[in-house]
Structure formats: structure tokens, C-alpha cells
Amino acid sequence: MITITFYGLDQFVVGRLSRELTPLLSKLYEVEEDEINFIAPSAMVFHKGTEQTSWNILIRVDAPEKAALVQSQAADLLLKGIGEVAIHKTVEFNYYHTSSRIVHLDPTYPRYLTEENIVGVEGEEYEEMEEGEGEDQIYTGDIFANFGDK
């Protein structure tokens, strides 16, 4: 698993980068696309009290030790992929031994949400609410009721 975290970059930009760069990184690292995740924490970069968001960003790549063989190519791909969205960019690589990673995947659910498997709440009728009423209520219906039909 290769995890790429962007500090100081807008979350929607990271979403776009994920869509564009995942196939390229997958090919470079010789792994399936499912093995690459992008993370966009709600974080800002500061220097001496002044916000640096999109001016100075940090990209942190966590990957298995064998990925170090293509480190410079991965850095080039990330930096070029970002383009002019950020001014100053730093890529920091952190490698782990594969025995240090434990993954549990629930076989009853898809690995990732996609446009094809996201379950909408169709057909449910809702009463109109007054402004502010019920905004914090949790949906308790069966969101997977018709999942097997698709």
C-alpha cells in the first residue's frame, strides 16, 4: 500500500490529483491501483504564525521499502502533477517494512466506494422539516436493502 498525504493543499485539488495520478503511480510502482491512496487532511501549513497553505506544501509518501527504487521518478511525477497549484513543494518519503503493515478487509463489502457501488437513499419519503429541526439525526434505514439487485 502506498499512501500519499498532502499537507497545505485544498482537499478538492487532492481529489483531482488522486484521479489523475493514481494510474501513473500504479504503473511506476508496478502495483494495482487499489494499492494507492491519497489523503487530504483538513490541515494548514504555517511558518512563524503566517499561513502558508498552497504557498508551501508538504507531500508525504508512505510506501514499502522496495518503492525506494523509483523514488526520484515518483517525486517528479507528483511535482509535475501538481503543476502551478502550489508554489513551493516538498516531497518526503517514508518507507516501512511490509511486515509492519496489517490490513483487514471485510469480504462482505467492496474494497472502495465508486460511482457504481455508492448506495443512494432513493424512494425514501421525508417530511419537510422546519429550519434547524432534525439536522443532526442519523439515518437508521437499511441503506443496503437493494444493493444485491444492482
Protein backbone atom coordinates (compact mmCIF):
# COMPACT_ATOMS: atom_id res chain seq x y z
CA MET A 1 0.00 0.00 0.00
CA ILE A 2 1.27 3.43 -0.94
CA THR A 3 -0.26 6.36 0.92
CA ILE A 4 0.30 9.90 -0.28
CA THR A 5 -0.68 12.67 2.13
CA PHE A 6 -0.84 16.32 1.11
CA TYR A 7 -0.40 18.97 3.80
CA GLY A 8 -1.33 22.52 2.84
CA LEU A 9 -3.28 21.70 -0.32
CA ASP A 10 -7.03 22.04 -0.88
CA GLN A 11 -8.90 18.76 -0.44
CA PHE A 12 -10.71 19.06 -3.77
CA VAL A 13 -7.40 19.55 -5.57
CA VAL A 14 -6.08 16.39 -3.90
CA GLY A 15 -9.21 14.55 -5.08
CA ARG A 16 -8.48 15.60 -8.65
CA LEU A 17 -4.82 14.66 -8.29
CA SER A 18 -5.85 11.25 -6.99
CA ARG A 19 -7.96 10.62 -10.07
CA GLU A 20 -5.20 11.79 -12.44
CA LEU A 21 -2.09 10.38 -10.75
CA THR A 22 -3.27 7.01 -9.43
CA PRO A 23 -2.94 5.22 -12.81
CA LEU A 24 0.51 6.76 -13.39
CA LEU A 25 1.79 5.90 -9.91
CA SER A 26 0.33 2.41 -10.19
CA LYS A 27 2.34 1.84 -13.35
CA LEU A 28 5.50 3.35 -11.87
CA TYR A 29 5.33 1.32 -8.65
CA GLU A 30 4.10 -1.79 -10.51
CA VAL A 31 1.12 -2.24 -8.18
CA GLU A 32 -2.64 -2.38 -8.66
CA GLU A 33 -4.45 0.96 -8.47
CA ASP A 34 -6.20 -0.35 -5.32
CA GLU A 35 -2.82 -0.17 -3.58
CA ILE A 36 -2.57 3.62 -3.84
CA ASN A 37 -4.44 6.05 -1.58
CA PHE A 38 -4.35 9.82 -1.38
CA ILE A 39 -5.10 11.60 1.88
CA ALA A 40 -6.06 15.25 2.19
CA PRO A 41 -6.26 16.11 5.88
CA SER A 42 -8.01 19.30 6.82
CA ALA A 43 -4.68 20.89 7.65
CA MET A 44 -2.98 24.21 7.06
CA VAL A 45 0.74 24.93 6.87
CA PHE A 46 2.12 27.78 9.00
CA HIS A 47 5.52 29.43 9.27
CA LYS A 48 6.16 31.90 12.11
CA GLY A 49 2.42 32.43 12.54
CA THR A 50 1.64 33.11 8.88
CA GLU A 51 -0.49 30.70 6.89
CA GLN A 52 1.39 29.12 4.00
CA THR A 53 -1.41 26.98 2.51
CA SER A 54 -0.84 26.44 -1.24
CA TRP A 55 2.35 28.55 -0.93
CA ASN A 56 4.40 25.89 0.86
CA ILE A 57 3.07 22.33 0.78
CA LEU A 58 4.40 19.04 2.10
CA ILE A 59 3.70 15.78 0.33
CA ARG A 60 4.41 12.73 2.45
CA VAL A 61 4.70 9.36 0.73
CA ASP A 62 4.50 6.24 2.90
CA ALA A 63 5.46 3.14 0.95
CA PRO A 64 7.08 -0.29 1.28
CA GLU A 65 10.89 -0.30 1.29
CA LYS A 66 11.10 -1.67 -2.27
CA ALA A 67 9.39 1.52 -3.56
CA ALA A 68 12.60 3.44 -2.81
CA LEU A 69 13.96 2.20 -6.14
CA VAL A 70 11.73 4.65 -8.03
CA GLN A 71 11.78 7.50 -5.51
CA SER A 72 13.08 10.19 -7.86
CA GLN A 73 10.61 9.23 -10.61
CA ALA A 74 7.75 9.30 -8.09
CA ALA A 75 8.82 12.74 -6.85
CA ASP A 76 8.97 14.05 -10.42
CA LEU A 77 5.54 12.62 -11.19
CA LEU A 78 3.98 14.19 -8.07
CA LEU A 79 5.64 17.57 -8.53
CA LYS A 80 4.73 17.81 -12.22
CA GLY A 81 1.21 16.55 -11.50
CA ILE A 82 0.59 19.35 -9.01
CA GLY A 83 1.68 21.92 -11.55
CA GLU A 84 1.12 25.51 -10.51
CA VAL A 85 -1.48 24.76 -7.84
CA ALA A 86 1.25 25.28 -5.23
CA ILE A 87 4.37 27.44 -5.24
CA HIS A 88 6.91 25.63 -3.05
CA LYS A 89 6.63 21.85 -2.80
CA THR A 90 8.43 19.32 -0.64
CA VAL A 91 8.14 15.56 -1.07
CA GLU A 92 9.14 13.45 1.91
CA PHE A 93 9.43 9.66 1.55
CA ASN A 94 8.98 7.31 4.48
CA TYR A 95 9.49 3.59 3.93
CA TYR A 96 8.23 0.72 6.01
CA HIS A 97 8.91 -2.99 6.11
CA THR A 98 5.93 -4.90 4.75
CA SER A 99 5.72 -6.94 7.97
CA SER A 100 4.93 -3.67 9.78
CA ARG A 101 1.60 -3.30 7.95
CA ILE A 102 -1.52 -5.22 8.92
CA VAL A 103 -4.67 -4.91 6.81
CA HIS A 104 -8.12 -6.36 7.46
CA LEU A 105 -10.58 -6.22 4.56
CA ASP A 106 -14.21 -7.13 5.20
CA PRO A 107 -15.13 -9.56 2.39
CA THR A 108 -18.83 -8.65 2.58
CA TYR A 109 -18.23 -5.11 1.31
CA PRO A 110 -16.48 -3.65 -1.73
CA ARG A 111 -12.90 -2.51 -1.07
CA TYR A 112 -13.60 1.09 -2.17
CA LEU A 113 -16.62 3.26 -2.82
CA THR A 114 -17.05 4.06 -6.50
CA GLU A 115 -19.72 5.78 -8.58
CA GLU A 116 -21.06 2.32 -9.43
CA ASN A 117 -21.44 0.99 -5.89
CA ILE A 118 -22.50 4.05 -3.87
CA VAL A 119 -25.93 3.39 -2.49
CA GLY A 120 -28.30 6.33 -2.67
CA VAL A 121 -31.33 6.78 -0.47
CA GLU A 122 -33.90 6.60 -3.23
CA GLY A 123 -37.56 6.03 -2.67
CA GLU A 124 -37.50 7.12 0.94
CA GLU A 125 -40.02 9.78 1.78
CA TYR A 126 -39.09 12.53 4.14
CA GLU A 127 -41.32 15.05 5.79
CA GLU A 128 -40.47 18.69 5.36
CA MET A 129 -38.78 19.98 8.48
CA GLU A 130 -38.64 23.40 9.96
CA GLU A 131 -35.25 25.10 9.62
CA GLY A 132 -32.84 23.69 12.18
CA GLU A 133 -35.13 20.76 13.05
CA GLY A 134 -33.66 17.27 12.79
CA GLU A 135 -30.37 18.35 11.19
CA ASP A 136 -28.32 16.11 13.46
CA GLN A 137 -30.46 12.99 13.09
CA ILE A 138 -28.85 9.80 11.88
CA TYR A 139 -30.40 7.82 9.02
CA THR A 140 -31.49 4.49 10.51
CA GLY A 141 -32.92 2.83 7.40
CA ASP A 142 -31.31 -0.07 5.54
CA ILE A 143 -29.03 1.65 3.01
CA PHE A 144 -28.06 -1.75 1.58
CA ALA A 145 -31.64 -3.00 1.09
CA ASN A 146 -31.39 -3.15 -2.72
CA PHE A 147 -27.61 -3.45 -3.02
CA GLY A 148 -27.74 -7.03 -4.34
CA ASP A 149 -30.16 -6.00 -7.08
CA LYS A 150 -27.58 -3.90 -8.90
